[in-house]
C-alpha cells in the first residue's frame, strides 16, 4: 500500500518517485544505521522522513562478529558488525507490527549467502503488509562461489537481482558495492536483470591498527568505512552510474546535511540515504528534510525533482 502524506500547496514540492513508490521527500535512513526504526522514535519524527530502511535481514538470525567491531576514523568510522539481525521470521513477527504503523514507506534490506537464501527471504516477505520495497545487499559473500561478493561480479549480481524480482511483489532496489573496478558495469547488469532502482554506495573496505597492541583494532581485522570520508567517492560513483542507467538512483555515503543531499541529487540521485550521521546526530535525517525544504524556498525551486541530474558543466 502506498503511503500518501498530505502536503502544503504553498510549500515546495519535495515528492520523488522510485519506480511505483512515491516518497513525500527524498530522505531515507540507511540500512544498518537506524536499527528497526523504533530505537529512534523518541529522537526523530519518523513520519516526516521519505522512507525508513531497516537493518539488513537474513534468512536465519545472525549474532554478528565479536567485539571490538566499531572504530572511529578520520572523518568517518569502520564497522565490522557482521550483519547482526533477528532473522526474517522474527523480523516479521516482532518488528513489522510496529513498522506497519508508520506513516512512511518501510523498505526492507535483505542479505544472503546464496541465491536461494535471497529468494526465500523475498518469498517470506512477499505477502507481509507494510513492506513497501526491498533493498538487496549484494555486498555479501557467495559461500558457494568461494566467498566472492555477489556485488563484485556482474553475472552474480544480475542472478541475485533476477531471483529477487521473481519473488517480489514490490519495487526492488539493489545496493551496489563500491569495491569494484567499474561500478557502472554492475549497475547495468542489475538494471538488465530487472532492478527498479540502484542505491549506492555501500561501505568501502578498510582497516585500522592499534599501535599499543600492534594488532588490528577490529577483531575482524577489516571492516566497512563510512561517513564523510567516503562522500567524494560516492558522489563520483553516483554521477557515473547516472550516465549509465535509466533507473532511479539513491545516493549514499557521507550525507550529513541538506547540502550534501542536494549535491547527490544534482549528480543524478533521485533520493538519498542518511547513514553514519545518525550515530553522531540522531536527528540528522529530519534536519536534512528541513534543509532541503529551506533550500527550495530560498532558491525558488518549485519541485525538488527538478534538481535531479541538473548538474551544470564547467
Protein backbone atom coordinates (compact mmCIF):
# COMPACT_ATOMS: atom_id res chain seq x y z
CA UNK A 1 0.00 0.00 0.00
CA UNK A 2 1.40 3.38 -0.99
CA UNK A 3 1.64 5.91 1.83
CA UNK A 4 0.47 9.38 0.79
CA UNK A 5 1.09 12.21 3.23
CA UNK A 6 -0.83 15.49 2.87
CA UNK A 7 1.29 18.43 1.73
CA UNK A 8 1.00 22.21 1.94
CA UNK A 9 0.45 23.52 -1.60
CA UNK A 10 2.28 26.74 -0.62
CA UNK A 11 5.45 24.81 0.21
CA UNK A 12 7.99 23.42 -2.31
CA UNK A 13 7.04 20.01 -3.67
CA UNK A 14 9.58 17.57 -2.19
CA UNK A 15 7.98 14.44 -3.61
CA UNK A 16 10.07 11.99 -5.63
CA UNK A 17 9.26 8.63 -7.19
CA UNK A 18 11.21 5.37 -7.06
CA UNK A 19 9.52 3.08 -9.57
CA UNK A 20 5.93 2.72 -8.40
CA UNK A 21 6.80 4.06 -4.94
CA UNK A 22 6.16 7.73 -4.24
CA UNK A 23 8.01 9.37 -1.36
CA UNK A 24 6.92 12.57 0.39
CA UNK A 25 10.56 13.71 0.26
CA UNK A 26 13.87 12.23 -0.92
CA UNK A 27 15.38 11.47 2.50
CA UNK A 28 15.67 7.89 3.75
CA UNK A 29 17.60 6.25 6.57
CA UNK A 30 20.42 3.91 5.55
CA UNK A 31 20.24 0.26 6.48
CA UNK A 32 22.38 -0.73 9.44
CA UNK A 33 22.42 2.75 10.96
CA UNK A 34 18.84 3.09 12.14
CA UNK A 35 18.03 -0.28 13.72
CA UNK A 36 14.41 -1.23 13.18
CA UNK A 37 13.32 2.44 13.49
CA UNK A 38 11.69 2.07 16.92
CA UNK A 39 15.04 2.81 18.52
CA UNK A 40 14.78 6.36 17.14
CA UNK A 41 11.08 7.08 17.77
CA UNK A 42 11.78 9.44 20.70
CA UNK A 43 14.54 11.27 18.83
CA UNK A 44 13.15 11.73 15.31
CA UNK A 45 9.68 12.37 13.93
CA UNK A 46 9.73 9.23 11.80
CA UNK A 47 6.60 10.28 9.94
CA UNK A 48 8.45 13.22 8.36
CA UNK A 49 11.01 11.07 6.55
CA UNK A 50 10.75 9.97 2.94
CA UNK A 51 11.19 6.32 3.91
CA UNK A 52 12.72 4.12 6.58
CA UNK A 53 15.14 1.36 5.59
CA UNK A 54 15.62 -1.20 8.32
CA UNK A 55 18.67 -3.16 9.41
CA UNK A 56 19.63 -5.90 6.94
CA UNK A 57 17.61 -9.10 7.36
CA UNK A 58 18.94 -12.60 6.71
CA UNK A 59 17.11 -15.91 6.45
CA UNK A 60 18.28 -17.03 9.89
CA UNK A 61 19.30 -14.91 12.92
CA UNK A 62 22.92 -13.75 12.98
CA UNK A 63 24.95 -12.97 16.09
CA UNK A 64 27.46 -10.85 14.18
CA UNK A 65 31.19 -10.55 14.79
CA UNK A 66 32.91 -10.43 18.19
CA UNK A 67 33.93 -7.01 19.56
CA UNK A 68 35.60 -4.67 19.09
CA UNK A 69 33.62 -4.11 15.92
CA UNK A 70 33.36 -0.33 15.56
CA UNK A 71 36.22 2.14 15.48
CA UNK A 72 36.22 5.87 14.77
CA UNK A 73 38.48 7.03 11.97
CA UNK A 74 39.34 10.40 10.48
CA UNK A 75 36.08 11.80 9.07
CA UNK A 76 34.22 8.54 9.50
CA UNK A 77 34.08 5.13 11.08
CA UNK A 78 34.91 1.50 10.40
CA UNK A 79 32.40 -1.17 11.30
CA UNK A 80 32.58 -4.93 11.30
CA UNK A 81 29.23 -5.64 12.93
CA UNK A 82 28.83 -8.76 10.84
CA UNK A 83 25.23 -8.10 9.76
CA UNK A 84 23.79 -8.99 13.17
CA UNK A 85 20.00 -9.30 12.95
CA UNK A 86 16.99 -11.23 14.23
CA UNK A 87 16.31 -13.18 11.03
CA UNK A 88 13.33 -12.86 8.71
CA UNK A 89 10.78 -14.81 10.77
CA UNK A 90 11.35 -12.83 13.97
CA UNK A 91 11.51 -9.63 11.93
CA UNK A 92 8.03 -10.32 10.56
CA UNK A 93 6.55 -11.30 13.93
CA UNK A 94 8.39 -8.88 16.24
CA UNK A 95 9.37 -5.82 14.19
CA UNK A 96 6.80 -5.44 11.42
CA UNK A 97 3.79 -4.81 13.72
CA UNK A 98 5.44 -1.55 14.83
CA UNK A 99 6.75 -0.66 11.37
CA UNK A 100 3.28 -1.15 9.86
CA UNK A 101 2.08 1.77 11.97
CA UNK A 102 4.49 4.27 10.45
CA UNK A 103 3.09 6.82 8.01
CA UNK A 104 6.08 6.45 5.69
CA UNK A 105 7.15 3.62 3.38
CA UNK A 106 9.17 0.86 5.05
CA UNK A 107 11.91 -0.65 2.90
CA UNK A 108 13.40 -3.96 4.00
CA UNK A 109 17.08 -4.56 3.30
CA UNK A 110 17.85 -8.25 2.72
CA UNK A 111 21.07 -10.27 2.57
CA UNK A 112 22.08 -13.84 1.95
CA UNK A 113 24.92 -16.29 1.41
CA UNK A 114 23.31 -17.86 -1.65
CA UNK A 115 20.78 -17.01 -4.31
CA UNK A 116 18.39 -19.49 -2.72
CA UNK A 117 18.53 -17.54 0.56
CA UNK A 118 17.72 -14.24 -1.17
CA UNK A 119 14.78 -15.95 -2.90
CA UNK A 120 13.46 -17.46 0.32
CA UNK A 121 13.64 -14.20 2.29
CA UNK A 122 11.84 -12.37 -0.51
CA UNK A 123 9.15 -15.06 -0.67
CA UNK A 124 8.52 -14.79 3.09
CA UNK A 125 8.20 -11.01 2.86
CA UNK A 126 6.02 -11.05 -0.27
CA UNK A 127 2.64 -11.01 1.49
CA UNK A 128 3.62 -9.08 4.62
CA UNK A 129 1.56 -5.86 4.89
CA UNK A 130 3.63 -2.72 5.24
CA UNK A 131 6.65 -3.78 3.19
CA UNK A 132 6.86 -1.04 0.56
CA UNK A 133 10.04 -2.16 -1.21
CA UNK A 134 13.03 -4.47 -0.88
CA UNK A 135 16.64 -3.31 -0.93
CA UNK A 136 19.06 -6.09 -1.87
CA UNK A 137 22.50 -6.01 -0.26
CA UNK A 138 24.78 -7.63 -2.83
CA UNK A 139 27.98 -6.92 -0.92
CA UNK A 140 27.60 -10.28 0.83
CA UNK A 141 29.94 -13.20 0.05
CA UNK A 142 28.58 -16.04 -2.06
CA UNK A 143 29.60 -19.06 0.01
CA UNK A 144 29.06 -21.40 -2.95
CA UNK A 145 31.47 -19.39 -5.10
CA UNK A 146 34.40 -19.32 -2.70
CA UNK A 147 33.28 -16.25 -0.78
CA UNK A 148 33.33 -13.83 -3.71
CA UNK A 149 30.90 -10.97 -3.05
CA UNK A 150 27.81 -11.04 -5.26
CA UNK A 151 28.27 -7.36 -5.97
CA UNK A 152 31.74 -7.69 -7.50
CA UNK A 153 30.68 -9.94 -10.37
CA UNK A 154 28.16 -8.70 -12.97
CA UNK A 155 26.74 -12.15 -13.65
CA UNK A 156 26.24 -12.95 -9.96
CA UNK A 157 24.77 -9.51 -9.27
CA UNK A 158 22.32 -10.00 -12.12
CA UNK A 159 21.42 -13.51 -10.94
CA UNK A 160 20.55 -12.29 -7.44
CA UNK A 161 18.51 -9.41 -8.83
CA UNK A 162 16.61 -11.70 -11.19
CA UNK A 163 15.87 -14.16 -8.37
CA UNK A 164 14.54 -11.46 -6.02
CA UNK A 165 12.47 -9.84 -8.77
CA UNK A 166 10.92 -13.21 -9.49
CA UNK A 167 9.54 -13.42 -5.94
CA UNK A 168 8.96 -9.77 -5.03
CA UNK A 169 5.61 -8.01 -5.23
CA UNK A 170 7.08 -4.58 -4.52
CA UNK A 171 9.85 -2.47 -6.12
CA UNK A 172 13.35 -3.94 -5.82
CA UNK A 173 16.32 -1.68 -5.04
CA UNK A 174 19.80 -3.13 -5.46
CA UNK A 175 22.51 -1.71 -3.19
CA UNK A 176 25.84 -1.63 -5.01
CA UNK A 177 29.30 -2.24 -3.62
CA UNK A 178 31.99 0.36 -4.37
CA UNK A 179 34.72 -2.27 -4.08
CA UNK A 180 34.84 -2.92 -7.81
CA UNK A 181 36.86 -1.73 -10.79
CA UNK A 182 33.90 -0.17 -12.61
CA UNK A 183 30.63 0.27 -10.74
CA UNK A 184 28.75 1.15 -13.93
CA UNK A 185 29.23 -2.41 -15.19
CA UNK A 186 27.47 -3.79 -12.10
CA UNK A 187 24.76 -1.12 -12.32
CA UNK A 188 23.98 -2.02 -15.91
CA UNK A 189 23.93 -5.72 -15.05
CA UNK A 190 21.32 -5.35 -12.29
CA UNK A 191 19.28 -2.92 -14.38
CA UNK A 192 19.22 -5.50 -17.14
CA UNK A 193 18.07 -8.12 -14.64
CA UNK A 194 15.05 -6.01 -13.68
CA UNK A 195 16.14 -3.79 -10.78
CA UNK A 196 13.70 -0.93 -10.26
CA UNK A 197 16.40 1.24 -8.68
CA UNK A 198 20.05 1.14 -7.63
CA UNK A 199 21.32 2.53 -4.33
CA UNK A 200 25.00 3.38 -3.90
CA UNK A 201 27.38 3.19 -2.33
CA UNK A 202 27.82 0.56 0.35
CA UNK A 203 30.90 0.84 2.57
CA UNK A 204 34.48 0.84 1.33
CA UNK A 205 36.77 -1.85 2.72
CA UNK A 206 39.31 -0.58 5.24
CA UNK A 207 41.18 -1.33 8.45
CA UNK A 208 42.76 0.32 11.47
CA UNK A 209 45.75 -0.65 13.62
CA UNK A 210 46.30 -0.16 17.37
CA UNK A 211 49.92 0.92 17.85
CA UNK A 212 49.95 -0.01 21.55
CA UNK A 213 48.99 -3.61 20.95
CA UNK A 214 50.37 -3.73 17.40
CA UNK A 215 47.24 -5.54 16.38
CA UNK A 216 44.25 -4.70 14.17
CA UNK A 217 41.78 -2.50 16.05
CA UNK A 218 38.82 -4.52 14.81
CA UNK A 219 38.52 -8.15 15.91
CA UNK A 220 37.51 -8.95 12.34
CA UNK A 221 40.68 -7.13 11.10
CA UNK A 222 38.89 -5.42 8.18
CA UNK A 223 35.62 -3.50 8.16
CA UNK A 224 33.45 -1.15 6.17
CA UNK A 225 34.43 2.53 6.01
CA UNK A 226 31.55 5.02 6.07
CA UNK A 227 30.94 8.67 6.90
CA UNK A 228 32.11 11.98 5.39
CA UNK A 229 35.43 10.44 4.28
CA UNK A 230 33.71 8.46 1.53
CA UNK A 231 31.43 11.22 0.22
CA UNK A 232 33.61 12.30 -2.73
CA UNK A 233 33.91 8.67 -3.86
CA UNK A 234 30.17 8.10 -3.51
CA UNK A 235 29.34 11.32 -5.32
CA UNK A 236 31.60 10.39 -8.22
CA UNK A 237 30.08 6.92 -8.49
CA UNK A 238 26.50 8.25 -8.42
CA UNK A 239 27.40 10.67 -11.20
CA UNK A 240 28.95 7.89 -13.29
CA UNK A 241 26.06 5.50 -12.75
CA UNK A 242 23.53 8.20 -13.62
CA UNK A 243 25.10 8.33 -17.09
CA UNK A 244 24.99 4.54 -17.45
CA UNK A 245 21.46 3.51 -16.37
CA UNK A 246 17.91 4.75 -16.79
CA UNK A 247 16.51 3.52 -13.46
CA UNK A 248 16.39 5.86 -10.44
CA UNK A 249 19.44 6.14 -8.19
CA UNK A 250 19.57 6.54 -4.42
CA UNK A 251 22.74 8.24 -3.22
CA UNK A 252 24.51 7.06 -0.07
CA UNK A 253 27.84 7.99 1.50
CA UNK A 254 28.76 10.69 3.98
CA UNK A 255 25.48 12.59 3.82
CA UNK A 256 25.16 14.71 6.97
CA UNK A 257 23.45 17.89 5.78
CA UNK A 258 20.93 19.11 3.23
CA UNK A 259 23.84 20.49 1.21
CA UNK A 260 25.32 17.01 0.98
CA UNK A 261 21.98 15.55 -0.10
CA UNK A 262 21.45 18.22 -2.74
CA UNK A 263 24.88 17.58 -4.22
CA UNK A 264 23.91 13.94 -4.71
CA UNK A 265 20.65 14.95 -6.36
CA UNK A 266 22.42 17.31 -8.76
CA UNK A 267 24.80 14.43 -9.58
CA UNK A 268 21.83 12.27 -10.57
CA UNK A 269 20.31 10.79 -7.42
CA UNK A 270 16.52 10.78 -7.10
CA UNK A 271 16.74 10.22 -3.33
CA UNK A 272 19.38 9.86 -0.62
CA UNK A 273 20.07 7.84 2.49
CA UNK A 274 21.45 9.24 5.74
CA UNK A 275 23.62 6.67 7.50
CA UNK A 276 26.64 7.21 9.73
CA UNK A 277 25.43 10.72 10.61
CA UNK A 278 22.66 9.08 12.66
CA UNK A 279 25.24 7.92 15.23
CA UNK A 280 26.58 11.42 15.85
CA UNK A 281 23.26 13.23 15.45
CA UNK A 282 20.12 11.09 15.77
CA UNK A 283 18.05 13.90 14.23
CA UNK A 284 20.24 14.19 11.14
CA UNK A 285 17.74 12.71 8.70
CA UNK A 286 14.93 15.02 9.80
CA UNK A 287 17.27 18.02 9.68
CA UNK A 288 18.21 17.11 6.10
CA UNK A 289 14.50 17.17 5.18
CA UNK A 290 14.14 20.64 6.73
CA UNK A 291 17.27 21.86 4.99
CA UNK A 292 16.17 20.68 1.57
CA UNK A 293 12.84 22.47 2.00
CA UNK A 294 14.64 25.63 3.11
CA UNK A 295 16.94 25.50 0.08
CA UNK A 296 13.99 25.01 -2.27
CA UNK A 297 12.22 28.03 -0.76
CA UNK A 298 15.31 30.23 -0.86
CA UNK A 299 16.23 29.26 -4.43
CA UNK A 300 12.61 29.30 -5.60
CA UNK A 301 12.69 25.65 -6.70
CA UNK A 302 9.01 24.66 -7.04
CA UNK A 303 9.68 20.90 -7.19
CA UNK A 304 12.81 19.28 -5.77
CA UNK A 305 12.74 16.61 -8.50
CA UNK A 306 13.73 19.39 -10.95
CA UNK A 307 17.22 19.22 -9.41
CA UNK A 308 17.77 15.54 -10.21
CA UNK A 309 20.73 15.31 -12.58
CA UNK A 310 20.70 19.09 -13.13
CA UNK A 311 24.45 19.45 -12.64
CA UNK A 312 25.98 22.12 -14.84
CA UNK A 313 29.38 21.80 -16.51
CA UNK A 314 32.46 24.00 -16.40
